[in-house]
Amino acid sequence: MAVAEPLHGLVLVTGPSRGGKSRWAEHLVGYCTPVTYLATSDSRPDDSAWQERLQLHRERRPAHWDVVESGPDLAKALDAIPIGHTVLIDALGAFTAWHLDASPEQWSLLEAELIKSLQARREPVVMVIEETGWGVVPSTAIGGRFRDRQGHLAQKLETVACRSWLVVQGRALDLHAFGIAVPDR
């Protein structure tokens, strides 16, 4: 299950919930050292199902990885990671969720800051992205905003990514090898 090419630049790993995207991202950085795992979600201490999910991630992570919790400021957390570290960001959805109340202008600035921070890294950055929009249309405005912002940002990130993987049902597909970019117009 090795990947033929060494990691470099931004590598995206996307797919549906429970499809295996975090495991694939962990596999990709498994050959790198040192690694900083950048957790984006809030801890939700009163949500037992969420705590079980976080525990599964903790149990899979090697003990020698550094772990950083970004909170809402993903770009700042990314900028603070030492030079020489490969970064695994898990996952973009929490960053999007942290900023659902941001105005469109504020959101554009947040996107630009994140992309600038990602492009400034010399070492590989592997980012897990929850794929949205494959299911039921959200019944709330905030759900629609999340879906739209997440999908739009994922497409922006793809334009600067060196590799992109789609992980579905425990299978990883190299989108750059098998996919064709959709024209802007």
Protein backbone atom coordinates (compact mmCIF):
# COMPACT_ATOMS: atom_id res chain seq x y z
CA MET A 1 0.00 0.00 0.00
CA ALA A 2 2.94 2.34 -0.50
CA VAL A 3 2.77 5.52 -2.55
CA ALA A 4 5.38 5.59 -5.32
CA GLU A 5 6.29 9.30 -5.09
CA PRO A 6 7.66 11.05 -2.01
CA LEU A 7 5.41 13.70 -0.51
CA HIS A 8 5.89 17.34 -1.33
CA GLY A 9 3.74 20.47 -1.25
CA LEU A 10 0.08 20.37 -0.37
CA VAL A 11 -1.63 16.97 -0.55
CA LEU A 12 -5.42 16.85 -0.21
CA VAL A 13 -7.30 13.80 1.06
CA THR A 14 -11.06 14.06 0.63
CA GLY A 15 -14.07 11.79 0.84
CA PRO A 16 -17.21 10.98 2.78
CA SER A 17 -17.49 10.36 6.50
CA ARG A 18 -16.13 6.98 7.60
CA GLY A 19 -14.56 6.38 4.19
CA GLY A 20 -10.99 6.05 5.49
CA LYS A 21 -9.58 9.47 4.60
CA SER A 22 -7.87 10.06 7.96
CA ARG A 23 -6.28 6.60 7.88
CA TRP A 24 -5.01 7.27 4.33
CA ALA A 25 -3.60 10.67 5.35
CA GLU A 26 -1.87 9.05 8.34
CA HIS A 27 -0.42 6.43 6.00
CA LEU A 28 0.91 9.11 3.63
CA VAL A 29 2.81 10.92 6.38
CA GLY A 30 3.87 7.67 8.03
CA TYR A 31 7.15 7.77 6.09
CA CYS A 32 7.95 11.32 7.19
CA THR A 33 9.68 12.57 10.29
CA PRO A 34 9.10 14.72 12.25
CA VAL A 35 5.33 15.03 11.92
CA THR A 36 2.97 17.53 13.54
CA TYR A 37 -0.67 16.48 13.68
CA LEU A 38 -2.82 19.61 13.58
CA ALA A 39 -6.25 18.92 15.08
CA THR A 40 -8.84 21.51 14.07
CA SER A 41 -11.97 20.52 15.97
CA ASP A 42 -13.17 21.69 19.33
CA SER A 43 -12.92 18.97 21.99
CA ARG A 44 -16.68 18.58 22.72
CA PRO A 45 -16.11 16.96 26.15
CA ASP A 46 -19.84 16.30 26.71
CA ASP A 47 -20.30 14.41 23.40
CA SER A 48 -19.45 10.75 24.11
CA ALA A 49 -19.72 9.68 20.46
CA TRP A 50 -17.26 12.43 19.47
CA GLN A 51 -14.91 11.41 22.29
CA GLU A 52 -14.94 7.82 21.01
CA ARG A 53 -14.08 9.05 17.52
CA LEU A 54 -11.21 11.20 18.83
CA GLN A 55 -9.93 8.25 20.86
CA LEU A 56 -9.71 6.10 17.70
CA HIS A 57 -7.58 8.79 16.08
CA ARG A 58 -5.35 9.05 19.16
CA GLU A 59 -4.81 5.29 19.26
CA ARG A 60 -3.69 5.20 15.61
CA ARG A 61 -1.24 8.10 15.88
CA PRO A 62 2.40 7.27 16.58
CA ALA A 63 3.53 8.53 19.98
CA HIS A 64 6.43 10.50 18.45
CA TRP A 65 4.13 12.81 16.46
CA ASP A 66 3.62 16.29 17.88
CA VAL A 67 -0.05 17.18 18.36
CA VAL A 68 -1.33 20.76 18.12
CA GLU A 69 -4.93 21.89 18.50
CA SER A 70 -5.55 24.87 16.25
CA GLY A 71 -8.87 26.17 17.49
CA PRO A 72 -10.41 28.62 15.03
CA ASP A 73 -7.08 30.11 13.85
CA LEU A 74 -5.73 27.40 11.56
CA ALA A 75 -3.37 29.71 9.66
CA LYS A 76 -1.74 30.96 12.88
CA ALA A 77 -1.34 27.42 14.21
CA LEU A 78 0.16 26.30 10.89
CA ASP A 79 2.60 29.22 10.90
CA ALA A 80 3.78 28.25 14.42
CA ILE A 81 4.80 24.69 13.46
CA PRO A 82 8.58 24.37 13.37
CA ILE A 83 10.47 24.31 10.09
CA GLY A 84 11.28 20.77 9.05
CA HIS A 85 7.99 19.25 10.21
CA THR A 86 5.60 17.50 7.86
CA VAL A 87 2.07 18.57 8.81
CA LEU A 88 -1.14 16.53 8.86
CA ILE A 89 -4.25 18.72 9.19
CA ASP A 90 -7.32 16.77 10.27
CA ALA A 91 -9.65 18.27 9.08
CA LEU A 92 -10.80 21.29 7.10
CA GLY A 93 -14.46 20.96 8.12
CA ALA A 94 -13.81 22.14 11.66
CA PHE A 95 -12.05 25.24 10.32
CA THR A 96 -15.09 25.94 8.15
CA ALA A 97 -17.46 25.33 11.06
CA TRP A 98 -15.52 27.65 13.38
CA HIS A 99 -16.22 30.52 10.96
CA LEU A 100 -19.81 30.03 9.83
CA ASP A 101 -20.79 33.38 11.33
CA ALA A 102 -18.10 35.23 9.38
CA SER A 103 -19.33 37.63 6.73
CA PRO A 104 -18.49 36.75 3.11
CA GLU A 105 -15.70 39.34 3.21
CA GLN A 106 -14.28 37.97 6.47
CA TRP A 107 -14.49 34.42 5.09
CA SER A 108 -12.57 35.45 1.95
CA LEU A 109 -9.81 36.88 4.15
CA LEU A 110 -9.70 33.68 6.23
CA GLU A 111 -9.43 31.58 3.06
CA ALA A 112 -6.62 33.79 1.73
CA GLU A 113 -4.71 33.64 5.05
CA LEU A 114 -4.98 29.85 5.11
CA ILE A 115 -3.81 29.44 1.52
CA LYS A 116 -0.90 31.83 2.13
CA SER A 117 0.17 29.83 5.20
CA LEU A 118 -0.09 26.55 3.32
CA GLN A 119 1.96 27.87 0.41
CA ALA A 120 4.63 29.21 2.77
CA ARG A 121 5.43 25.71 4.11
CA ARG A 122 8.49 24.04 2.61
CA GLU A 123 7.66 20.62 4.00
CA PRO A 124 4.67 18.52 2.93
CA VAL A 125 1.23 19.36 4.30
CA VAL A 126 -1.44 16.67 4.09
CA MET A 127 -4.95 18.04 4.63
CA VAL A 128 -8.04 15.94 5.26
CA ILE A 129 -11.17 17.50 3.78
CA GLU A 130 -14.68 16.27 4.47
CA GLU A 131 -16.47 16.04 1.14
CA THR A 132 -19.89 17.71 1.24
CA GLY A 133 -22.86 17.91 -1.07
CA TRP A 134 -23.19 14.21 -1.93
CA GLY A 135 -26.26 13.77 0.21
CA VAL A 136 -29.43 15.54 1.11
CA VAL A 137 -29.57 19.30 0.51
CA PRO A 138 -29.20 20.95 3.93
CA SER A 139 -32.53 22.09 5.34
CA THR A 140 -31.01 25.09 7.13
CA ALA A 141 -29.25 28.19 5.87
CA ILE A 142 -26.22 27.52 8.07
CA GLY A 143 -25.98 23.95 6.74
CA GLY A 144 -26.04 25.31 3.19
CA ARG A 145 -23.39 27.88 4.09
CA PHE A 146 -21.14 25.15 5.48
CA ARG A 147 -21.58 23.00 2.36
CA ASP A 148 -20.93 25.91 0.00
CA ARG A 149 -17.92 27.31 1.88
CA GLN A 150 -16.36 23.89 2.33
CA GLY A 151 -16.83 22.95 -1.33
CA HIS A 152 -15.57 26.30 -2.62
CA LEU A 153 -12.50 26.28 -0.37
CA ALA A 154 -11.71 22.67 -1.34
CA GLN A 155 -11.69 23.72 -5.00
CA LYS A 156 -9.41 26.68 -4.23
CA LEU A 157 -7.03 24.39 -2.36
CA GLU A 158 -6.99 21.96 -5.28
CA THR A 159 -5.55 24.70 -7.49
CA VAL A 160 -2.43 24.83 -5.29
CA ALA A 161 -2.23 21.12 -4.38
CA CYS A 162 0.49 18.82 -5.72
CA ARG A 163 -1.66 15.72 -5.17
CA SER A 164 -5.29 15.00 -4.36
CA TRP A 165 -6.79 11.77 -3.16
CA LEU A 166 -10.43 10.68 -3.02
CA VAL A 167 -10.98 8.04 -0.35
CA VAL A 168 -14.23 6.10 -0.53
CA GLN A 169 -15.13 2.78 1.11
CA GLY A 170 -11.55 2.32 2.27
CA ARG A 171 -10.08 2.80 -1.23
CA ALA A 172 -7.84 5.71 -2.25
CA LEU A 173 -7.98 7.13 -5.77
CA ASP A 174 -5.32 9.53 -7.06
CA LEU A 175 -7.41 12.33 -8.58
CA HIS A 176 -4.47 13.87 -10.43
CA ALA A 177 -3.74 10.56 -12.15
CA PHE A 178 -7.33 9.68 -13.04
CA GLY A 179 -9.17 13.00 -13.08
CA ILE A 180 -9.49 15.84 -15.51
CA ALA A 181 -9.81 19.39 -14.22
CA VAL A 182 -13.24 20.91 -14.78
CA PRO A 183 -12.92 24.09 -16.86
CA ASP A 184 -13.83 27.38 -15.16
CA ARG A 185 -16.31 28.16 -17.96
